[in-house]
Amino acid sequence: MKLLIQRVSGARVEVAGEVVGSIDQGLLALVGIEPQDDQASLSRALHKLLNYRVFSDEAGKMNRSLTDVQGGLLLVSQFTLAADTKSGMRPSFSSAAPPAQGAALFDALVEMARAQHPQVATGRFGANMQVHLVNDGPVTFLLEV
């Protein structure tokens, strides 16, 4: 699983002009699910999302987690993160989980996140989404779990 996380001062996802998920300060996580991912991958990913220290403390150091700052978490499925881009001029998506597996695992991640964190929003799996964000920093990390 690959997670592209961005520290944001605000973010929202729209589908057909309708806002389907939004947060204020927090993390936008683009989630790329791969065929080998399972419940253990989801647990590791969620632990990282909630505890990765990317928010500044009073000294300006990245010492606070999403849990510490009580920020929002916006989860957006993005199968293109799992693309194989090593050769050629067109990405291959054979390294991404099949849609049914991806949807089931993404839904399970959302359910786990909502059970452990008070502010969780999402995009819509498989939809054409417009993601709007204000990257705070900018701060962006690619996590592989």
N, C-alpha and C. Protein backbone atom coordinates (compact mmCIF):
# COMPACT_ATOMS: atom_id res chain seq x y z
N MET A 1 0.84 -1.17 0.00
CA MET A 1 0.00 0.00 0.00
C MET A 1 0.89 1.23 0.00
N LYS A 2 0.47 2.18 -0.79
CA LYS A 2 1.17 3.46 -0.84
C LYS A 2 0.21 4.55 -0.40
N LEU A 3 0.71 5.42 0.44
CA LEU A 3 -0.07 6.55 0.93
C LEU A 3 0.70 7.82 0.62
N LEU A 4 0.11 8.70 -0.14
CA LEU A 4 0.70 10.02 -0.35
C LEU A 4 -0.04 10.94 0.60
N ILE A 5 0.67 11.40 1.63
CA ILE A 5 0.00 12.24 2.63
C ILE A 5 0.47 13.68 2.50
N GLN A 6 -0.46 14.58 2.68
CA GLN A 6 -0.16 16.00 2.62
C GLN A 6 -0.77 16.67 3.85
N ARG A 7 0.05 17.46 4.53
CA ARG A 7 -0.45 18.25 5.65
C ARG A 7 -1.20 19.43 5.05
N VAL A 8 -2.45 19.60 5.44
CA VAL A 8 -3.28 20.62 4.82
C VAL A 8 -3.89 21.54 5.88
N SER A 9 -4.15 22.78 5.44
CA SER A 9 -4.95 23.67 6.29
C SER A 9 -6.42 23.53 5.93
N GLY A 10 -6.70 22.83 4.84
CA GLY A 10 -8.06 22.52 4.44
C GLY A 10 -8.05 21.72 3.15
N ALA A 11 -9.02 20.82 2.99
CA ALA A 11 -9.13 20.02 1.77
C ALA A 11 -10.56 19.54 1.61
N ARG A 12 -10.94 19.33 0.34
CA ARG A 12 -12.28 18.80 0.06
C ARG A 12 -12.22 17.99 -1.24
N VAL A 13 -13.19 17.10 -1.37
CA VAL A 13 -13.34 16.28 -2.57
C VAL A 13 -14.74 16.52 -3.12
N GLU A 14 -14.79 16.76 -4.43
CA GLU A 14 -16.07 16.95 -5.10
C GLU A 14 -16.26 15.86 -6.15
N VAL A 15 -17.51 15.43 -6.29
CA VAL A 15 -17.91 14.50 -7.34
C VAL A 15 -19.11 15.14 -8.03
N ALA A 16 -19.00 15.40 -9.33
CA ALA A 16 -20.07 16.02 -10.12
C ALA A 16 -20.55 17.32 -9.47
N GLY A 17 -19.59 18.10 -8.96
CA GLY A 17 -19.92 19.40 -8.39
C GLY A 17 -20.41 19.37 -6.96
N GLU A 18 -20.57 18.18 -6.38
CA GLU A 18 -21.05 18.04 -5.00
C GLU A 18 -19.87 17.71 -4.09
N VAL A 19 -19.75 18.42 -2.96
CA VAL A 19 -18.71 18.12 -1.97
C VAL A 19 -19.12 16.83 -1.26
N VAL A 20 -18.27 15.80 -1.35
CA VAL A 20 -18.56 14.52 -0.71
C VAL A 20 -17.73 14.29 0.54
N GLY A 21 -16.67 15.08 0.73
CA GLY A 21 -15.85 14.98 1.92
C GLY A 21 -14.99 16.21 2.07
N SER A 22 -14.83 16.69 3.32
CA SER A 22 -13.98 17.86 3.54
C SER A 22 -13.44 17.84 4.96
N ILE A 23 -12.29 18.49 5.12
CA ILE A 23 -11.68 18.67 6.44
C ILE A 23 -11.08 20.07 6.51
N ASP A 24 -10.85 20.51 7.73
CA ASP A 24 -10.06 21.71 7.94
C ASP A 24 -8.62 21.25 8.14
N GLN A 25 -7.91 21.74 9.14
CA GLN A 25 -6.52 21.32 9.36
C GLN A 25 -6.43 19.81 9.53
N GLY A 26 -5.44 19.20 8.91
CA GLY A 26 -5.25 17.77 9.07
C GLY A 26 -4.42 17.17 7.97
N LEU A 27 -4.75 15.94 7.61
CA LEU A 27 -4.03 15.20 6.57
C LEU A 27 -4.97 14.77 5.46
N LEU A 28 -4.53 15.01 4.24
CA LEU A 28 -5.15 14.42 3.06
C LEU A 28 -4.29 13.21 2.72
N ALA A 29 -4.91 12.04 2.65
CA ALA A 29 -4.18 10.82 2.33
C ALA A 29 -4.74 10.22 1.05
N LEU A 30 -3.91 10.20 0.01
CA LEU A 30 -4.24 9.51 -1.23
C LEU A 30 -3.78 8.07 -1.04
N VAL A 31 -4.68 7.11 -1.23
CA VAL A 31 -4.44 5.72 -0.86
C VAL A 31 -4.38 4.84 -2.10
N GLY A 32 -3.22 4.23 -2.34
CA GLY A 32 -3.05 3.29 -3.45
C GLY A 32 -2.93 1.88 -2.91
N ILE A 33 -3.91 1.04 -3.22
CA ILE A 33 -3.95 -0.32 -2.69
C ILE A 33 -3.40 -1.28 -3.74
N GLU A 34 -2.54 -2.20 -3.25
CA GLU A 34 -1.88 -3.18 -4.12
C GLU A 34 -2.40 -4.58 -3.82
N PRO A 35 -2.22 -5.52 -4.75
CA PRO A 35 -2.80 -6.86 -4.59
C PRO A 35 -2.40 -7.59 -3.30
N GLN A 36 -1.19 -7.35 -2.80
CA GLN A 36 -0.73 -8.07 -1.61
C GLN A 36 -1.24 -7.45 -0.31
N ASP A 37 -1.94 -6.34 -0.37
CA ASP A 37 -2.42 -5.69 0.85
C ASP A 37 -3.51 -6.51 1.52
N ASP A 38 -3.55 -6.40 2.86
CA ASP A 38 -4.50 -7.17 3.66
C ASP A 38 -4.81 -6.39 4.95
N GLN A 39 -5.49 -7.03 5.90
CA GLN A 39 -5.85 -6.36 7.17
C GLN A 39 -4.62 -5.85 7.90
N ALA A 40 -3.53 -6.59 7.87
CA ALA A 40 -2.31 -6.15 8.55
C ALA A 40 -1.78 -4.88 7.89
N SER A 41 -1.84 -4.80 6.57
CA SER A 41 -1.42 -3.58 5.86
C SER A 41 -2.28 -2.40 6.28
N LEU A 42 -3.59 -2.63 6.38
CA LEU A 42 -4.50 -1.56 6.79
C LEU A 42 -4.17 -1.06 8.19
N SER A 43 -3.91 -1.98 9.10
CA SER A 43 -3.57 -1.60 10.48
C SER A 43 -2.30 -0.78 10.53
N ARG A 44 -1.28 -1.21 9.79
CA ARG A 44 -0.02 -0.46 9.75
C ARG A 44 -0.23 0.92 9.14
N ALA A 45 -1.00 0.98 8.06
CA ALA A 45 -1.26 2.25 7.39
C ALA A 45 -1.99 3.22 8.31
N LEU A 46 -3.03 2.74 8.97
CA LEU A 46 -3.79 3.62 9.86
C LEU A 46 -2.94 4.09 11.05
N HIS A 47 -2.15 3.18 11.59
CA HIS A 47 -1.25 3.57 12.69
C HIS A 47 -0.33 4.71 12.24
N LYS A 48 0.24 4.58 11.05
CA LYS A 48 1.11 5.64 10.52
C LYS A 48 0.33 6.94 10.31
N LEU A 49 -0.84 6.85 9.71
CA LEU A 49 -1.63 8.05 9.44
C LEU A 49 -1.95 8.81 10.72
N LEU A 50 -2.31 8.10 11.75
CA LEU A 50 -2.71 8.76 13.00
C LEU A 50 -1.53 9.21 13.85
N ASN A 51 -0.37 8.59 13.67
CA ASN A 51 0.75 8.85 14.58
C ASN A 51 2.00 9.44 13.94
N TYR A 52 2.04 9.55 12.62
CA TYR A 52 3.21 10.11 11.93
C TYR A 52 3.32 11.59 12.31
N ARG A 53 4.50 11.98 12.76
CA ARG A 53 4.67 13.33 13.32
C ARG A 53 5.06 14.32 12.21
N VAL A 54 4.05 15.01 11.68
CA VAL A 54 4.27 15.97 10.61
C VAL A 54 3.74 17.37 10.95
N PHE A 55 3.21 17.52 12.16
CA PHE A 55 2.70 18.83 12.59
C PHE A 55 3.69 19.46 13.56
N SER A 56 3.82 20.76 13.48
CA SER A 56 4.83 21.49 14.25
C SER A 56 4.44 21.63 15.72
N ASP A 57 5.47 21.54 16.56
CA ASP A 57 5.29 21.85 17.98
C ASP A 57 5.58 23.33 18.18
N GLU A 58 5.64 23.76 19.44
CA GLU A 58 5.86 25.18 19.71
C GLU A 58 7.24 25.67 19.26
N ALA A 59 8.19 24.76 19.08
CA ALA A 59 9.53 25.13 18.62
C ALA A 59 9.64 25.07 17.08
N GLY A 60 8.54 24.73 16.39
CA GLY A 60 8.56 24.65 14.94
C GLY A 60 9.06 23.32 14.39
N LYS A 61 9.29 22.35 15.25
CA LYS A 61 9.76 21.02 14.82
C LYS A 61 8.56 20.10 14.57
N MET A 62 8.69 19.22 13.60
CA MET A 62 7.63 18.26 13.32
C MET A 62 7.63 17.18 14.40
N ASN A 63 6.93 17.44 15.48
CA ASN A 63 6.87 16.52 16.61
C ASN A 63 5.46 16.13 16.99
N ARG A 64 4.46 16.60 16.26
CA ARG A 64 3.07 16.30 16.62
C ARG A 64 2.40 15.50 15.51
N SER A 65 1.56 14.59 15.95
CA SER A 65 0.83 13.72 15.02
C SER A 65 -0.57 14.27 14.77
N LEU A 66 -1.27 13.64 13.85
CA LEU A 66 -2.66 14.00 13.59
C LEU A 66 -3.49 13.85 14.86
N THR A 67 -3.25 12.78 15.60
CA THR A 67 -3.96 12.56 16.86
C THR A 67 -3.65 13.69 17.84
N ASP A 68 -2.39 14.10 17.94
CA ASP A 68 -1.99 15.16 18.86
C ASP A 68 -2.70 16.48 18.58
N VAL A 69 -2.83 16.82 17.29
CA VAL A 69 -3.43 18.11 16.93
C VAL A 69 -4.94 18.00 16.72
N GLN A 70 -5.48 16.79 16.84
CA GLN A 70 -6.91 16.54 16.66
C GLN A 70 -7.41 17.07 15.32
N GLY A 71 -6.62 16.81 14.28
CA GLY A 71 -6.96 17.27 12.94
C GLY A 71 -7.85 16.28 12.21
N GLY A 72 -8.33 16.71 11.06
CA GLY A 72 -9.15 15.86 10.22
C GLY A 72 -8.31 14.95 9.35
N LEU A 73 -8.91 13.85 8.94
CA LEU A 73 -8.27 12.90 8.03
C LEU A 73 -9.20 12.72 6.83
N LEU A 74 -8.70 13.08 5.65
CA LEU A 74 -9.46 12.92 4.41
C LEU A 74 -8.81 11.80 3.61
N LEU A 75 -9.50 10.68 3.48
CA LEU A 75 -9.00 9.52 2.76
C LEU A 75 -9.59 9.49 1.35
N VAL A 76 -8.70 9.39 0.35
CA VAL A 76 -9.13 9.39 -1.04
C VAL A 76 -8.45 8.22 -1.75
N SER A 77 -9.25 7.31 -2.30
CA SER A 77 -8.66 6.18 -3.03
C SER A 77 -8.03 6.70 -4.32
N GLN A 78 -6.84 6.18 -4.63
CA GLN A 78 -6.15 6.60 -5.85
C GLN A 78 -5.29 5.45 -6.35
N PHE A 79 -5.90 4.63 -7.22
CA PHE A 79 -5.20 3.44 -7.72
C PHE A 79 -3.96 3.80 -8.52
N THR A 80 -3.88 5.02 -9.05
CA THR A 80 -2.73 5.39 -9.87
C THR A 80 -1.44 5.43 -9.06
N LEU A 81 -1.53 5.53 -7.74
CA LEU A 81 -0.32 5.49 -6.90
C LEU A 81 0.38 4.15 -7.01
N ALA A 82 -0.37 3.10 -7.30
CA ALA A 82 0.21 1.76 -7.39
C ALA A 82 0.75 1.45 -8.79
N ALA A 83 0.70 2.40 -9.68
CA ALA A 83 1.15 2.17 -11.07
C ALA A 83 2.63 1.84 -11.14
N ASP A 84 2.96 1.01 -12.13
CA ASP A 84 4.36 0.72 -12.45
C ASP A 84 4.78 1.73 -13.51
N THR A 85 5.73 2.59 -13.16
CA THR A 85 6.18 3.66 -14.06
C THR A 85 7.65 3.51 -14.45
N LYS A 86 8.20 2.31 -14.21
CA LYS A 86 9.63 2.12 -14.42
C LYS A 86 10.04 2.10 -15.89
N SER A 87 9.16 1.68 -16.78
CA SER A 87 9.56 1.62 -18.18
C SER A 87 8.45 2.16 -19.07
N GLY A 88 8.83 2.55 -20.26
CA GLY A 88 7.87 3.03 -21.24
C GLY A 88 7.38 4.44 -20.95
N MET A 89 6.42 4.86 -21.74
CA MET A 89 5.88 6.22 -21.63
C MET A 89 4.41 6.21 -21.23
N ARG A 90 3.94 5.05 -20.76
CA ARG A 90 2.57 4.94 -20.30
C ARG A 90 2.57 4.08 -19.05
N PRO A 91 1.88 4.51 -17.98
CA PRO A 91 1.89 3.71 -16.75
C PRO A 91 1.15 2.39 -16.93
N SER A 92 1.62 1.38 -16.21
CA SER A 92 0.94 0.10 -16.17
C SER A 92 0.24 -0.02 -14.82
N PHE A 93 -1.00 -0.46 -14.83
CA PHE A 93 -1.74 -0.57 -13.58
C PHE A 93 -1.86 -2.01 -13.11
N SER A 94 -1.04 -2.90 -13.66
CA SER A 94 -1.09 -4.30 -13.25
C SER A 94 -0.63 -4.48 -11.80
N SER A 95 0.05 -3.50 -11.24
CA SER A 95 0.50 -3.59 -9.85
C SER A 95 -0.51 -3.00 -8.87
N ALA A 96 -1.65 -2.54 -9.36
CA ALA A 96 -2.72 -2.05 -8.50
C ALA A 96 -3.69 -3.19 -8.19
N ALA A 97 -4.31 -3.13 -7.04
CA ALA A 97 -5.30 -4.15 -6.68
C ALA A 97 -6.48 -4.09 -7.65
N PRO A 98 -7.08 -5.23 -7.97
CA PRO A 98 -8.30 -5.21 -8.79
C PRO A 98 -9.38 -4.37 -8.09
N PRO A 99 -10.29 -3.76 -8.85
CA PRO A 99 -11.27 -2.85 -8.25
C PRO A 99 -12.05 -3.42 -7.06
N ALA A 100 -12.51 -4.65 -7.13
CA ALA A 100 -13.30 -5.22 -6.03
C ALA A 100 -12.47 -5.33 -4.76
N GLN A 101 -11.23 -5.81 -4.90
CA GLN A 101 -10.34 -5.91 -3.75
C GLN A 101 -10.00 -4.52 -3.21
N GLY A 102 -9.70 -3.59 -4.11
CA GLY A 102 -9.37 -2.23 -3.70
C GLY A 102 -10.52 -1.57 -2.95
N ALA A 103 -11.73 -1.73 -3.45
CA ALA A 103 -12.90 -1.13 -2.79
C ALA A 103 -13.12 -1.73 -1.41
N ALA A 104 -13.01 -3.06 -1.30
CA ALA A 104 -13.22 -3.71 -0.01
C ALA A 104 -12.18 -3.26 1.01
N LEU A 105 -10.92 -3.20 0.60
CA LEU A 105 -9.86 -2.78 1.53
C LEU A 105 -9.96 -1.30 1.86
N PHE A 106 -10.31 -0.48 0.89
CA PHE A 106 -10.47 0.95 1.18
C PHE A 106 -11.62 1.16 2.16
N ASP A 107 -12.74 0.47 1.95
CA ASP A 107 -13.87 0.58 2.87
C ASP A 107 -13.49 0.12 4.27
N ALA A 108 -12.70 -0.95 4.36
CA ALA A 108 -12.26 -1.44 5.67
C ALA A 108 -11.34 -0.41 6.34
N LEU A 109 -10.47 0.23 5.57
CA LEU A 109 -9.60 1.27 6.13
C LEU A 109 -10.43 2.43 6.67
N VAL A 110 -11.43 2.85 5.92
CA VAL A 110 -12.30 3.95 6.37
C VAL A 110 -13.02 3.56 7.66
N GLU A 111 -13.54 2.35 7.71
CA GLU A 111 -14.25 1.88 8.91
C GLU A 111 -13.32 1.87 10.12
N MET A 112 -12.10 1.36 9.93
CA MET A 112 -11.13 1.33 11.03
C MET A 112 -10.78 2.75 11.47
N ALA A 113 -10.58 3.64 10.51
CA ALA A 113 -10.22 5.03 10.84
C ALA A 113 -11.33 5.69 11.63
N ARG A 114 -12.57 5.50 11.21
CA ARG A 114 -13.71 6.12 11.92
C ARG A 114 -13.86 5.56 13.33
N ALA A 115 -13.44 4.33 13.55
CA ALA A 115 -13.51 3.74 14.89
C ALA A 115 -12.43 4.30 15.81
N GLN A 116 -11.33 4.81 15.22
CA GLN A 116 -10.20 5.26 16.03
C GLN A 116 -9.97 6.76 16.03
N HIS A 117 -10.63 7.49 15.13
CA HIS A 117 -10.37 8.93 15.01
C HIS A 117 -11.70 9.66 14.80
N PRO A 118 -11.89 10.78 15.49
CA PRO A 118 -13.21 11.44 15.43
C PRO A 118 -13.53 12.17 14.12
N GLN A 119 -12.53 12.58 13.35
CA GLN A 119 -12.78 13.37 12.14
C GLN A 119 -12.23 12.67 10.91
N VAL A 120 -13.08 11.88 10.25
CA VAL A 120 -12.66 11.17 9.05
C VAL A 120 -13.66 11.47 7.93
N ALA A 121 -13.15 11.91 6.80
CA ALA A 121 -13.96 12.15 5.61
C ALA A 121 -13.33 11.36 4.47
N THR A 122 -14.11 11.16 3.39
CA THR A 122 -13.58 10.39 2.26
C THR A 122 -14.05 10.98 0.94
N GLY A 123 -13.38 10.52 -0.09
CA GLY A 123 -13.86 10.73 -1.44
C GLY A 123 -14.84 9.61 -1.75
N ARG A 124 -15.04 9.31 -3.02
CA ARG A 124 -15.95 8.24 -3.43
C ARG A 124 -15.16 7.28 -4.30
N PHE A 125 -15.03 6.05 -3.85
CA PHE A 125 -14.22 5.05 -4.55
C PHE A 125 -14.69 4.91 -5.99
N GLY A 126 -13.75 4.96 -6.91
CA GLY A 126 -14.01 4.74 -8.32
C GLY A 126 -14.63 5.91 -9.07
N ALA A 127 -14.94 6.98 -8.37
CA ALA A 127 -15.56 8.14 -9.01
C ALA A 127 -14.50 9.06 -9.61
N ASN A 128 -14.93 9.88 -10.55
CA ASN A 128 -14.09 10.96 -11.06
C ASN A 128 -14.18 12.08 -10.03
N MET A 129 -13.10 12.29 -9.28
CA MET A 129 -13.11 13.23 -8.17
C MET A 129 -12.24 14.44 -8.48
N GLN A 130 -12.65 15.57 -7.97
CA GLN A 130 -11.82 16.77 -7.99
C GLN A 130 -11.39 17.01 -6.54
N VAL A 131 -10.09 17.00 -6.33
CA VAL A 131 -9.54 17.16 -4.98
C VAL A 131 -8.96 18.55 -4.87
N HIS A 132 -9.45 19.30 -3.91
CA HIS A 132 -8.99 20.66 -3.66
C HIS A 132 -8.29 20.67 -2.31
N LEU A 133 -7.12 21.29 -2.26
CA LEU A 133 -6.40 21.32 -0.99
C LEU A 133 -5.51 22.54 -0.90
N VAL A 134 -5.23 22.92 0.33
CA VAL A 134 -4.21 23.91 0.61
C VAL A 134 -3.15 23.18 1.40
N ASN A 135 -2.03 22.86 0.72
CA ASN A 135 -0.93 22.13 1.35
C ASN A 135 -0.22 23.09 2.28
N ASP A 136 -0.12 22.73 3.56
CA ASP A 136 0.47 23.56 4.59
C ASP A 136 1.95 23.25 4.70
N GLY A 137 2.78 24.11 4.18
CA GLY A 137 4.23 23.90 4.27
C GLY A 137 4.99 24.34 3.04
N PRO A 138 4.94 23.64 1.96
CA PRO A 138 4.23 22.39 1.72
C PRO A 138 4.90 21.21 2.43
N VAL A 139 4.07 20.31 2.90
CA VAL A 139 4.53 19.08 3.56
C VAL A 139 3.84 17.91 2.89
N THR A 140 4.64 17.05 2.24
CA THR A 140 4.11 15.88 1.52
C THR A 140 5.08 14.72 1.72
N PHE A 141 4.52 13.55 2.05
CA PHE A 141 5.34 12.34 2.23
C PHE A 141 4.69 11.17 1.51
N LEU A 142 5.53 10.30 0.94
CA LEU A 142 5.07 9.05 0.37
C LEU A 142 5.39 7.96 1.38
N LEU A 143 4.36 7.33 1.92
CA LEU A 143 4.55 6.24 2.88
C LEU A 143 4.25 4.93 2.18
N GLU A 144 5.09 3.95 2.35
CA GLU A 144 4.85 2.62 1.81
C GLU A 144 4.76 1.67 2.97
N VAL A 145 3.62 0.98 3.07
CA VAL A 145 3.41 0.06 4.21
C VAL A 145 3.13 -1.33 3.73
